[in-house]
């Protein structure tokens, strides 16, 4: 993101009364996850935590599949447990 784009986001945030960092975080997630790749049953926070990973799509798919197999909700806590588990494998 260029300095000009950041400045535009800051101006928009100010005009809309939105916290700058929240708007930047939303932009990051939206940029990292094209609409067709977003998982509607997975919290935004999980998308945020994976947004900067180069392998985010593969990790998300494996995470969702793992949650379904275990019968658990795809929460942030479940993501942390999943990432810890796969890092040991």
C-alpha atoms as a PDB file:
ATOM      1  CA  UNK A   1       0.000   0.000   0.000  1.00  0.00           C
ATOM      2  CA  UNK A   2       1.434   3.354  -0.992  1.00  0.00           C
ATOM      3  CA  UNK A   3       1.791   6.328   1.335  1.00  0.00           C
ATOM      4  CA  UNK A   4      -0.937   8.103  -0.644  1.00  0.00           C
ATOM      5  CA  UNK A   5      -3.320   5.160  -0.215  1.00  0.00           C
ATOM      6  CA  UNK A   6      -2.621   5.099   3.522  1.00  0.00           C
ATOM      7  CA  UNK A   7      -3.259   8.835   3.697  1.00  0.00           C
ATOM      8  CA  UNK A   8      -6.558   8.363   1.828  1.00  0.00           C
ATOM      9  CA  UNK A   9      -7.600   5.620   4.251  1.00  0.00           C
ATOM     10  CA  UNK A  10      -6.741   7.874   7.191  1.00  0.00           C
ATOM     11  CA  UNK A  11      -8.827  10.703   5.731  1.00  0.00           C
ATOM     12  CA  UNK A  12     -11.730   8.351   5.120  1.00  0.00           C
ATOM     13  CA  UNK A  13     -11.431   6.945   8.645  1.00  0.00           C
ATOM     14  CA  UNK A  14     -11.446  10.448  10.098  1.00  0.00           C
ATOM     15  CA  UNK A  15     -14.481  11.464   8.039  1.00  0.00           C
ATOM     16  CA  UNK A  16     -16.354   8.284   8.960  1.00  0.00           C
ATOM     17  CA  UNK A  17     -15.307   8.325  12.613  1.00  0.00           C
ATOM     18  CA  UNK A  18     -13.553   4.953  12.292  1.00  0.00           C
ATOM     19  CA  UNK A  19     -10.321   3.994  14.028  1.00  0.00           C
ATOM     20  CA  UNK A  20      -7.428   4.143  11.547  1.00  0.00           C
ATOM     21  CA  UNK A  21      -6.005   0.755  12.538  1.00  0.00           C
ATOM     22  CA  UNK A  22      -9.391  -0.959  12.283  1.00  0.00           C
ATOM     23  CA  UNK A  23      -9.799   0.365   8.756  1.00  0.00           C
ATOM     24  CA  UNK A  24      -6.277  -0.697   7.788  1.00  0.00           C
ATOM     25  CA  UNK A  25      -6.910  -4.156   9.243  1.00  0.00           C
ATOM     26  CA  UNK A  26     -10.146  -4.439   7.267  1.00  0.00           C
ATOM     27  CA  UNK A  27      -8.304  -3.400   4.094  1.00  0.00           C
ATOM     28  CA  UNK A  28      -5.588  -5.996   4.778  1.00  0.00           C
ATOM     29  CA  UNK A  29      -8.114  -8.800   5.191  1.00  0.00           C
ATOM     30  CA  UNK A  30     -10.184  -7.747   2.183  1.00  0.00           C
ATOM     31  CA  UNK A  31      -7.046  -7.538   0.031  1.00  0.00           C
ATOM     32  CA  UNK A  32      -5.693 -10.889   1.191  1.00  0.00           C
ATOM     33  CA  UNK A  33      -8.972 -12.772   0.790  1.00  0.00           C
ATOM     34  CA  UNK A  34     -10.788 -12.240  -2.519  1.00  0.00           C
ATOM     35  CA  UNK A  35     -14.544 -12.759  -2.049  1.00  0.00           C
ATOM     36  CA  UNK A  36     -14.526 -16.234  -3.586  1.00  0.00           C
ATOM     37  CA  UNK A  37     -11.882 -17.412  -1.074  1.00  0.00           C
ATOM     38  CA  UNK A  38     -13.584 -16.177   2.100  1.00  0.00           C
ATOM     39  CA  UNK A  39     -15.052 -18.766   4.429  1.00  0.00           C
ATOM     40  CA  UNK A  40     -18.444 -17.460   5.631  1.00  0.00           C
ATOM     41  CA  UNK A  41     -18.509 -19.799   8.659  1.00  0.00           C
ATOM     42  CA  UNK A  42     -15.042 -18.743   9.810  1.00  0.00           C
ATOM     43  CA  UNK A  43     -14.677 -15.614  11.968  1.00  0.00           C
ATOM     44  CA  UNK A  44     -13.107 -12.492  10.526  1.00  0.00           C
ATOM     45  CA  UNK A  45     -10.353 -12.730  13.160  1.00  0.00           C
ATOM     46  CA  UNK A  46      -9.203 -16.071  11.707  1.00  0.00           C
ATOM     47  CA  UNK A  47      -8.995 -14.520   8.239  1.00  0.00           C
ATOM     48  CA  UNK A  48      -7.038 -11.636   9.799  1.00  0.00           C
ATOM     49  CA  UNK A  49      -4.561 -13.948  11.541  1.00  0.00           C
ATOM     50  CA  UNK A  50      -3.859 -15.832   8.314  1.00  0.00           C
ATOM     51  CA  UNK A  51      -3.948 -12.817   5.964  1.00  0.00           C
ATOM     52  CA  UNK A  52      -0.198 -12.291   5.679  1.00  0.00           C
ATOM     53  CA  UNK A  53       0.722 -15.942   5.202  1.00  0.00           C
ATOM     54  CA  UNK A  54       1.732 -16.902   1.678  1.00  0.00           C
ATOM     55  CA  UNK A  55       0.061 -20.289   2.229  1.00  0.00           C
ATOM     56  CA  UNK A  56      -3.126 -18.806   3.743  1.00  0.00           C
ATOM     57  CA  UNK A  57      -5.513 -20.501   1.304  1.00  0.00           C
ATOM     58  CA  UNK A  58      -4.068 -23.951   1.878  1.00  0.00           C
ATOM     59  CA  UNK A  59      -3.906 -23.426   5.644  1.00  0.00           C
ATOM     60  CA  UNK A  60      -7.502 -22.169   5.745  1.00  0.00           C
ATOM     61  CA  UNK A  61      -8.754 -25.150   3.750  1.00  0.00           C
ATOM     62  CA  UNK A  62      -6.875 -27.585   5.985  1.00  0.00           C
ATOM     63  CA  UNK A  63      -8.067 -25.767   9.121  1.00  0.00           C
ATOM     64  CA  UNK A  64     -11.724 -25.841   8.070  1.00  0.00           C
ATOM     65  CA  UNK A  65     -11.454 -29.512   7.121  1.00  0.00           C
ATOM     66  CA  UNK A  66      -9.787 -30.278  10.473  1.00  0.00           C
ATOM     67  CA  UNK A  67     -12.525 -28.447  12.393  1.00  0.00           C
ATOM     68  CA  UNK A  68     -15.225 -30.380  10.553  1.00  0.00           C
ATOM     69  CA  UNK A  69     -13.446 -33.690  11.227  1.00  0.00           C
ATOM     70  CA  UNK A  70     -13.169 -32.860  14.929  1.00  0.00           C
ATOM     71  CA  UNK A  71     -16.682 -31.443  15.181  1.00  0.00           C
ATOM     72  CA  UNK A  72     -15.484 -28.079  16.515  1.00  0.00           C
ATOM     73  CA  UNK A  73     -16.228 -24.507  15.526  1.00  0.00           C
ATOM     74  CA  UNK A  74     -13.492 -22.734  13.514  1.00  0.00           C
ATOM     75  CA  UNK A  75     -12.582 -20.252  16.261  1.00  0.00           C
ATOM     76  CA  UNK A  76      -9.381 -18.331  16.917  1.00  0.00           C
ATOM     77  CA  UNK A  77      -8.554 -20.773  19.725  1.00  0.00           C
ATOM     78  CA  UNK A  78      -9.088 -23.710  17.367  1.00  0.00           C
ATOM     79  CA  UNK A  79      -6.814 -22.020  14.806  1.00  0.00           C
ATOM     80  CA  UNK A  80      -4.029 -21.581  17.364  1.00  0.00           C
ATOM     81  CA  UNK A  81      -4.337 -25.242  18.375  1.00  0.00           C
ATOM     82  CA  UNK A  82      -4.335 -26.328  14.723  1.00  0.00           C
ATOM     83  CA  UNK A  83      -1.271 -24.224  13.853  1.00  0.00           C
ATOM     84  CA  UNK A  84       0.605 -25.541  16.888  1.00  0.00           C
ATOM     85  CA  UNK A  85      -0.279 -29.102  15.926  1.00  0.00           C
ATOM     86  CA  UNK A  86       0.801 -28.788  12.286  1.00  0.00           C
ATOM     87  CA  UNK A  87       4.037 -27.030  13.234  1.00  0.00           C
ATOM     88  CA  UNK A  88       5.021 -30.141  15.225  1.00  0.00           C
ATOM     89  CA  UNK A  89       4.240 -32.514  12.349  1.00  0.00           C
END
